[in-house]
Amino acid sequence: MDKRKIILTSLTLCLLTLALAARVNWPDRKPDELRLLYLKRLVADFSSKYKSAIVVSKKEHLLYYCENGRIVENESWNGFSFSFPVKISIANRWCRTPEGLVYIDRKNGHSRYTLFLGLSFPGAYGIHGASTYLASFLDKMERVDPSFTFVTKKDDTRGCVAVENRVIKYLFARVEIGTPVLILP
């Protein structure tokens, strides 16, 4: 069986398990907590096969970055502390963010966004920060308040995955071309 088919089959089984678990009334857990626990398990299973991986959950509006099969947590870099998952912004109601298993196929430090990690979907899809004209403003605001959010306040992309300025800088520095990206519904 093709490697992609095996991954998609195992992800489908995990999602079915997640759907069934959300319907079970566990007295000590809320359905949302269970869904996030299963999502973390799914992320761990997927990322364990790779040196580094990215998983995006469109429903929860979260991006997970994993290294060596573990979700990155409490890592200091460039004056910020990074713990994944982080909030994302996706396509607005008139566009669609594609789903499936793809790879980072290009890195562009001179795009119309602060930084751009291109995805291997047909078209110009990627993971990016804000428009470049906002870069200096966002740098200043993030230094004043490290939890400052701008990009992820509302869904306003044309199918891309948008993250905060500090997050795309971190990912751009860490992620290599060929890194797998799984985008879940």
Protein backbone atom coordinates (compact mmCIF):
# COMPACT_ATOMS: atom_id res chain seq x y z
CA MET A 1 0.00 0.00 0.00
CA ASP A 2 1.13 3.53 -0.76
CA LYS A 3 2.55 5.44 2.23
CA ARG A 4 -0.08 8.19 1.81
CA LYS A 5 -2.90 5.63 1.80
CA ILE A 6 -1.59 4.07 5.01
CA ILE A 7 -1.37 7.47 6.71
CA LEU A 8 -4.82 8.53 5.50
CA THR A 9 -6.32 5.20 6.60
CA SER A 10 -4.84 5.48 10.09
CA LEU A 11 -5.95 9.13 10.32
CA THR A 12 -9.46 8.16 9.26
CA LEU A 13 -9.57 5.52 12.00
CA CYS A 14 -8.36 8.06 14.55
CA LEU A 15 -10.98 10.56 13.44
CA LEU A 16 -13.72 7.92 13.69
CA THR A 17 -12.52 7.08 17.19
CA LEU A 18 -12.55 10.79 17.98
CA ALA A 19 -16.11 11.13 16.70
CA LEU A 20 -17.29 8.16 18.74
CA ALA A 21 -15.50 9.34 21.88
CA ALA A 22 -17.11 12.77 21.61
CA ARG A 23 -20.52 11.09 21.87
CA VAL A 24 -19.62 9.12 25.00
CA ASN A 25 -20.64 10.92 28.17
CA TRP A 26 -17.53 10.66 30.36
CA PRO A 27 -18.33 12.14 33.77
CA ASP A 28 -14.91 13.72 34.37
CA ARG A 29 -14.28 15.10 30.86
CA LYS A 30 -16.12 17.53 28.61
CA PRO A 31 -16.54 16.57 24.91
CA ASP A 32 -14.23 19.43 23.87
CA GLU A 33 -11.50 18.18 26.20
CA LEU A 34 -11.83 14.66 24.79
CA ARG A 35 -11.64 15.96 21.22
CA LEU A 36 -8.44 17.87 22.03
CA LEU A 37 -6.93 14.83 23.77
CA TYR A 38 -7.61 12.67 20.73
CA LEU A 39 -6.31 15.40 18.45
CA LYS A 40 -3.05 15.50 20.44
CA ARG A 41 -2.83 11.71 20.15
CA LEU A 42 -3.40 11.93 16.40
CA VAL A 43 -0.70 14.59 16.13
CA ALA A 44 1.72 12.44 18.14
CA ASP A 45 1.02 9.36 15.99
CA PHE A 46 1.49 11.29 12.75
CA SER A 47 4.61 13.18 13.82
CA SER A 48 6.34 10.09 15.24
CA LYS A 49 7.17 9.05 11.66
CA TYR A 50 9.10 12.24 10.85
CA LYS A 51 12.01 14.35 12.12
CA SER A 52 9.68 17.36 12.12
CA ALA A 53 6.04 17.78 11.10
CA ILE A 54 3.21 20.29 11.10
CA VAL A 55 -0.43 19.42 11.77
CA VAL A 56 -3.22 21.93 11.20
CA SER A 57 -6.71 21.44 12.62
CA LYS A 58 -9.13 23.69 10.75
CA LYS A 59 -12.02 22.95 13.12
CA GLU A 60 -10.09 23.93 16.24
CA HIS A 61 -8.08 26.66 14.43
CA LEU A 62 -4.81 25.24 15.74
CA LEU A 63 -1.36 24.54 14.30
CA TYR A 64 0.91 21.96 15.93
CA TYR A 65 4.64 21.89 15.28
CA CYS A 66 6.44 18.69 16.24
CA GLU A 67 10.08 17.69 16.38
CA ASN A 68 11.21 14.10 16.93
CA GLY A 69 7.61 12.95 17.47
CA ARG A 70 6.87 15.47 20.23
CA ILE A 71 4.84 18.67 20.21
CA VAL A 72 7.20 21.60 20.80
CA GLU A 73 6.49 23.20 24.18
CA ASN A 74 8.20 25.90 26.23
CA GLU A 75 11.02 26.50 23.79
CA SER A 76 12.76 29.87 23.93
CA TRP A 77 13.79 31.42 20.63
CA ASN A 78 14.50 35.02 19.62
CA GLY A 79 13.21 36.44 22.90
CA PHE A 80 9.90 34.55 22.85
CA SER A 81 8.70 31.33 24.40
CA PHE A 82 6.95 28.95 22.01
CA SER A 83 4.41 26.31 22.97
CA PHE A 84 2.32 24.62 20.36
CA PRO A 85 -0.49 24.43 19.36
CA VAL A 86 -0.91 28.05 18.30
CA LYS A 87 -3.98 29.81 16.94
CA ILE A 88 -4.38 30.15 13.19
CA SER A 89 -6.53 31.98 10.70
CA ILE A 90 -7.81 30.13 7.64
CA ALA A 91 -9.93 30.89 4.58
CA ASN A 92 -12.93 33.14 4.93
CA ARG A 93 -16.39 31.91 3.96
CA TRP A 94 -15.87 32.61 0.24
CA CYS A 95 -12.67 30.57 -0.07
CA ARG A 96 -11.55 27.14 1.11
CA THR A 97 -8.41 25.96 2.86
CA PRO A 98 -7.51 22.60 1.28
CA GLU A 99 -7.14 19.46 3.41
CA GLY A 100 -4.84 16.47 3.26
CA LEU A 101 -1.20 15.49 3.46
CA VAL A 102 1.23 17.82 1.69
CA TYR A 103 4.81 19.01 2.10
CA ILE A 104 6.63 22.30 2.45
CA ASP A 105 7.92 22.76 -1.10
CA ARG A 106 9.36 26.30 -0.94
CA LYS A 107 10.40 29.04 1.48
CA ASN A 108 10.02 32.64 0.44
CA GLY A 109 11.48 35.40 2.60
CA HIS A 110 10.56 38.10 0.07
CA SER A 111 6.87 37.45 -0.51
CA ARG A 112 4.00 39.86 0.08
CA TYR A 113 3.79 38.34 3.57
CA THR A 114 6.39 38.63 6.30
CA LEU A 115 7.55 35.08 5.48
CA PHE A 116 5.95 32.31 3.41
CA LEU A 117 6.20 28.51 3.65
CA GLY A 118 4.72 27.15 0.43
CA LEU A 119 2.60 24.00 0.47
CA SER A 120 2.69 21.39 -2.29
CA PHE A 121 -1.02 21.80 -3.09
CA PRO A 122 -1.64 22.98 -6.65
CA GLY A 123 -1.93 26.76 -6.43
CA ALA A 124 -0.33 29.34 -4.19
CA TYR A 125 -1.23 27.90 -0.77
CA GLY A 126 1.05 28.23 2.20
CA ILE A 127 1.63 29.11 5.83
CA HIS A 128 2.39 32.79 6.32
CA GLY A 129 2.27 35.78 8.62
CA ALA A 130 0.79 39.23 7.99
CA SER A 131 1.38 41.43 4.97
CA THR A 132 4.89 42.90 4.81
CA TYR A 133 3.70 46.48 5.25
CA LEU A 134 2.60 45.52 8.79
CA ALA A 135 5.87 43.81 9.76
CA SER A 136 7.51 46.68 11.68
CA PHE A 137 4.27 47.48 13.52
CA LEU A 138 3.82 43.83 14.53
CA ASP A 139 7.45 43.52 15.63
CA LYS A 140 7.00 46.51 17.97
CA MET A 141 3.67 45.31 19.35
CA GLU A 142 4.95 41.77 19.99
CA ARG A 143 7.96 43.15 21.89
CA VAL A 144 5.64 45.22 24.10
CA ASP A 145 3.16 42.37 24.62
CA PRO A 146 4.40 38.86 23.69
CA SER A 147 0.82 37.57 23.61
CA PHE A 148 -0.28 40.26 21.12
CA THR A 149 -2.52 38.86 18.36
CA PHE A 150 -3.37 40.46 15.06
CA VAL A 151 -3.35 37.91 12.25
CA THR A 152 -5.43 35.25 14.01
CA LYS A 153 -8.30 37.47 15.15
CA LYS A 154 -10.49 36.48 12.19
CA ASP A 155 -10.48 34.12 9.22
CA ASP A 156 -9.36 36.22 6.30
CA THR A 157 -7.10 34.23 3.98
CA ARG A 158 -7.72 32.97 0.48
CA GLY A 159 -7.03 29.39 1.50
CA CYS A 160 -3.70 29.76 3.27
CA VAL A 161 -2.95 29.16 6.94
CA ALA A 162 -2.00 32.41 8.68
CA VAL A 163 -0.10 32.58 11.98
CA GLU A 164 1.21 35.41 14.09
CA ASN A 165 4.40 37.22 13.05
CA ARG A 166 6.60 35.68 15.77
CA VAL A 167 5.32 32.18 14.94
CA ILE A 168 6.08 32.35 11.21
CA LYS A 169 9.58 33.60 12.02
CA TYR A 170 10.12 30.61 14.29
CA LEU A 171 8.71 28.14 11.76
CA PHE A 172 10.65 29.69 8.87
CA ALA A 173 13.90 29.26 10.81
CA ARG A 174 13.15 25.67 11.90
CA VAL A 175 11.18 24.02 9.11
CA GLU A 176 13.00 22.48 6.16
CA ILE A 177 11.74 21.96 2.63
CA GLY A 178 10.13 18.53 2.51
CA THR A 179 8.57 18.78 5.98
CA PRO A 180 5.18 17.02 5.95
CA VAL A 181 2.07 19.08 6.71
CA LEU A 182 -1.22 17.40 7.56
CA ILE A 183 -4.27 19.65 7.28
CA LEU A 184 -7.29 18.14 9.03
CA PRO A 185 -10.91 19.23 8.50
